[in-house]
C-alpha cells in the first residue's frame, strides 16, 4: 500500500488534517510488532527505585520527583525576577540621548541595530543598562562592548544575563568587570563560545 504525501498548505487546520491522514495511512500498513513498539514508546517511562536513589545521590538536595510543571513555573518566575534586577539600574532612550548629548533618539536605535549598545525592550520601551556607558570609552560606550555584542549571537536578554553573571573563566568576575579592566580579548573568546551551545 502506498502512503500519502504531505502537500504544502496555507492553513493550520488543513495541515493538521494532512498529518492525521498520513499517520492513519502509516498505521494501516504497519505490522503488529511495529504498532506494539510504537505503543510502548508512547508509555510514560517507569523509573526503578535504584534509578531514583542514584538520582538523589547525584542531585543531592535539588532532587525531586514532583511533576516538572511547578519546577518550570518556579524557574520562569526566577528568570523574571532576575530580569527586573538586571534592569533596575537602566536608562530610557531619552536619558541615554541626554547623557551622550545625542540630538535624536534615532541615533540610539541606529546604535542598537549596529550592536553598539545593549537595550532590552521592557513594557514597551527600551531600557539600557547604565554600566555600558563610559565617558572614557569610544563614543561614550564601554570599550570592547560593541565587539562582544556582535560576537554574542543570542537574544538581548541572554546577552545582558551573560554579561552580568560571574564567570569561572574570569575568576568569578563578570564579563562587564573584565571589560572595565581592559580584558577585551578574553571576553571576546568566551563570548564566541556562548554561540556553540
Protein backbone atom coordinates (compact mmCIF):
# COMPACT_ATOMS: atom_id res chain seq x y z
CA UNK A 1 0.00 0.00 0.00
CA UNK A 2 1.35 3.42 -0.90
CA UNK A 3 1.45 6.11 1.83
CA UNK A 4 0.03 9.55 1.25
CA UNK A 5 2.38 12.51 0.86
CA UNK A 6 2.11 15.86 2.64
CA UNK A 7 1.47 18.81 0.38
CA UNK A 8 2.20 22.41 1.32
CA UNK A 9 -0.88 24.19 2.61
CA UNK A 10 -1.68 27.61 3.93
CA UNK A 11 -3.94 26.82 6.85
CA UNK A 12 -3.15 25.20 10.17
CA UNK A 13 -6.40 23.23 10.06
CA UNK A 14 -5.54 21.80 6.64
CA UNK A 15 -2.00 20.92 7.76
CA UNK A 16 -3.42 19.12 10.84
CA UNK A 17 -5.80 17.15 8.64
CA UNK A 18 -2.94 16.16 6.32
CA UNK A 19 -0.78 14.97 9.25
CA UNK A 20 -3.73 12.98 10.67
CA UNK A 21 -4.35 11.34 7.28
CA UNK A 22 -0.66 10.49 6.89
CA UNK A 23 -0.47 8.93 10.37
CA UNK A 24 -3.62 6.89 9.64
CA UNK A 25 -2.14 5.63 6.36
CA UNK A 26 1.10 4.62 8.13
CA UNK A 27 -0.82 2.79 10.85
CA UNK A 28 -2.83 0.98 8.18
CA UNK A 29 0.33 -0.55 6.63
CA UNK A 30 2.24 -1.19 9.89
CA UNK A 31 2.51 -4.74 11.19
CA UNK A 32 1.55 -5.77 14.73
CA UNK A 33 5.14 -5.71 16.04
CA UNK A 34 5.69 -2.13 14.79
CA UNK A 35 2.43 -0.99 16.38
CA UNK A 36 3.35 -2.62 19.70
CA UNK A 37 6.75 -0.87 19.66
CA UNK A 38 5.04 2.45 18.89
CA UNK A 39 2.55 1.95 21.74
CA UNK A 40 5.38 1.04 24.14
CA UNK A 41 7.37 4.15 23.15
CA UNK A 42 4.38 6.36 23.99
CA UNK A 43 4.04 4.98 27.53
CA UNK A 44 5.48 7.08 30.39
CA UNK A 45 8.94 5.88 31.39
CA UNK A 46 8.92 3.81 34.54
CA UNK A 47 11.76 4.71 36.88
CA UNK A 48 13.09 1.98 39.13
CA UNK A 49 13.82 2.52 42.83
CA UNK A 50 17.54 2.10 42.08
CA UNK A 51 17.37 4.89 39.47
CA UNK A 52 15.54 7.15 41.95
CA UNK A 53 18.21 6.51 44.62
CA UNK A 54 21.01 7.20 42.12
CA UNK A 55 19.31 10.45 41.03
CA UNK A 56 19.01 11.53 44.69
CA UNK A 57 22.69 10.75 45.26
CA UNK A 58 23.78 12.74 42.19
CA UNK A 59 21.42 15.71 42.61
CA UNK A 60 21.53 15.89 46.40
CA UNK A 61 19.09 18.40 47.89
CA UNK A 62 17.98 19.52 44.42
CA UNK A 63 16.34 16.17 43.62
CA UNK A 64 12.59 15.98 43.37
CA UNK A 65 10.24 13.50 41.80
CA UNK A 66 7.49 16.10 41.51
CA UNK A 67 5.97 16.77 38.09
CA UNK A 68 8.09 19.22 36.11
CA UNK A 69 5.46 21.97 35.63
CA UNK A 70 5.80 23.50 39.13
CA UNK A 71 9.59 23.48 38.68
CA UNK A 72 9.33 25.10 35.24
CA UNK A 73 6.99 27.75 36.64
CA UNK A 74 9.34 28.44 39.57
CA UNK A 75 12.27 28.74 37.15
CA UNK A 76 10.30 31.13 34.94
CA UNK A 77 9.47 33.24 37.99
CA UNK A 78 13.18 33.37 38.96
CA UNK A 79 14.12 34.46 35.43
CA UNK A 80 11.60 37.33 35.55
CA UNK A 81 12.95 38.39 38.95
CA UNK A 82 16.49 38.36 37.54
CA UNK A 83 15.33 40.39 34.56
CA UNK A 84 13.88 43.03 36.92
CA UNK A 85 17.11 43.13 38.97
CA UNK A 86 19.26 43.47 35.83
CA UNK A 87 17.13 46.35 34.56
CA UNK A 88 16.97 48.23 37.90
CA UNK A 89 19.91 50.46 37.01
CA UNK A 90 18.98 51.23 33.45
CA UNK A 91 18.23 54.31 31.41
CA UNK A 92 15.47 55.19 28.95
CA UNK A 93 16.21 56.31 25.39
CA UNK A 94 15.70 59.95 26.41
CA UNK A 95 18.12 59.60 29.34
CA UNK A 96 20.74 57.99 27.08
CA UNK A 97 20.35 60.74 24.49
CA UNK A 98 20.79 63.37 27.22
CA UNK A 99 23.76 61.58 28.77
CA UNK A 100 25.66 61.22 25.49
CA UNK A 101 24.42 64.50 24.04
CA UNK A 102 22.88 62.76 21.05
CA UNK A 103 20.46 65.06 19.30
CA UNK A 104 17.85 62.44 18.44
CA UNK A 105 16.68 59.07 19.74
CA UNK A 106 17.16 57.77 16.20
CA UNK A 107 20.89 57.67 16.96
CA UNK A 108 20.13 55.25 19.79
CA UNK A 109 18.11 52.97 17.55
CA UNK A 110 20.89 53.06 14.93
CA UNK A 111 23.36 52.02 17.65
CA UNK A 112 21.00 49.22 18.72
CA UNK A 113 20.75 47.91 15.16
CA UNK A 114 24.53 48.06 14.81
CA UNK A 115 25.01 46.12 18.08
CA UNK A 116 26.97 49.05 19.52
CA UNK A 117 24.85 49.29 22.67
CA UNK A 118 22.59 46.91 24.55
CA UNK A 119 18.92 47.68 25.01
CA UNK A 120 16.17 45.45 26.37
CA UNK A 121 12.56 46.15 25.50
CA UNK A 122 10.58 46.31 28.73
CA UNK A 123 6.93 47.31 29.00
CA UNK A 124 7.04 48.77 25.51
CA UNK A 125 10.18 50.90 25.95
CA UNK A 126 13.86 50.17 25.62
CA UNK A 127 15.92 50.09 28.81
CA UNK A 128 19.70 50.49 28.59
CA UNK A 129 21.87 49.10 31.43
CA UNK A 130 23.87 52.03 32.86
CA UNK A 131 27.12 50.02 33.20
CA UNK A 132 27.68 50.12 29.41
CA UNK A 133 28.23 53.88 29.37
CA UNK A 134 31.78 55.09 29.99
CA UNK A 135 32.91 58.69 29.47
CA UNK A 136 36.41 57.41 28.63
CA UNK A 137 35.23 54.86 26.04
CA UNK A 138 34.80 55.37 22.30
CA UNK A 139 31.55 57.27 21.70
CA UNK A 140 30.89 57.12 25.46
CA UNK A 141 30.45 53.32 25.37
CA UNK A 142 32.44 50.80 27.41
CA UNK A 143 35.45 49.79 25.30
CA UNK A 144 35.05 46.37 23.71
CA UNK A 145 31.32 46.15 24.33
CA UNK A 146 30.26 46.57 20.66
CA UNK A 147 32.62 43.75 19.60
CA UNK A 148 31.31 41.49 22.37
CA UNK A 149 27.68 42.27 21.50
CA UNK A 150 28.42 41.43 17.88
CA UNK A 151 30.09 38.15 18.89
CA UNK A 152 27.13 37.05 21.02
CA UNK A 153 24.58 35.53 18.64
CA UNK A 154 21.86 35.20 21.27
CA UNK A 155 18.82 37.19 22.42
CA UNK A 156 19.31 40.61 24.01
CA UNK A 157 18.21 39.31 27.42
CA UNK A 158 20.67 36.42 27.17
CA UNK A 159 23.41 38.94 26.33
CA UNK A 160 22.51 41.02 29.38
CA UNK A 161 22.35 37.95 31.60
CA UNK A 162 25.70 36.60 30.36
CA UNK A 163 27.47 39.94 30.65
CA UNK A 164 26.22 40.39 34.23
CA UNK A 165 26.92 36.91 35.61
CA UNK A 166 30.19 35.89 37.33
CA UNK A 167 32.15 33.56 35.06
CA UNK A 168 34.60 30.83 36.16
CA UNK A 169 36.96 31.69 33.27
CA UNK A 170 37.31 35.19 34.74
CA UNK A 171 37.93 34.10 38.37
CA UNK A 172 34.23 34.71 39.03
CA UNK A 173 34.32 38.27 37.72
CA UNK A 174 31.55 39.26 35.32
CA UNK A 175 32.34 39.92 31.66
CA UNK A 176 31.43 43.58 32.32
CA UNK A 177 34.04 43.77 35.08
CA UNK A 178 36.59 42.20 32.74
CA UNK A 179 35.81 44.77 30.02
CA UNK A 180 36.22 47.58 32.55
CA UNK A 181 39.66 46.15 33.35
CA UNK A 182 40.55 46.21 29.65
CA UNK A 183 40.45 42.44 29.08
CA UNK A 184 38.55 42.70 25.81
CA UNK A 185 40.26 39.75 24.10
CA UNK A 186 39.42 37.29 26.91
CA UNK A 187 35.79 38.36 26.96
CA UNK A 188 35.54 38.04 23.17
CA UNK A 189 36.92 34.47 23.31
CA UNK A 190 34.30 33.46 25.87
CA UNK A 191 31.52 35.34 24.06
CA UNK A 192 32.21 33.41 20.87
CA UNK A 193 31.98 30.15 22.85
CA UNK A 194 28.46 31.05 24.04
CA UNK A 195 27.21 30.53 20.49
CA UNK A 196 28.45 26.94 20.31
CA UNK A 197 25.89 25.61 22.82
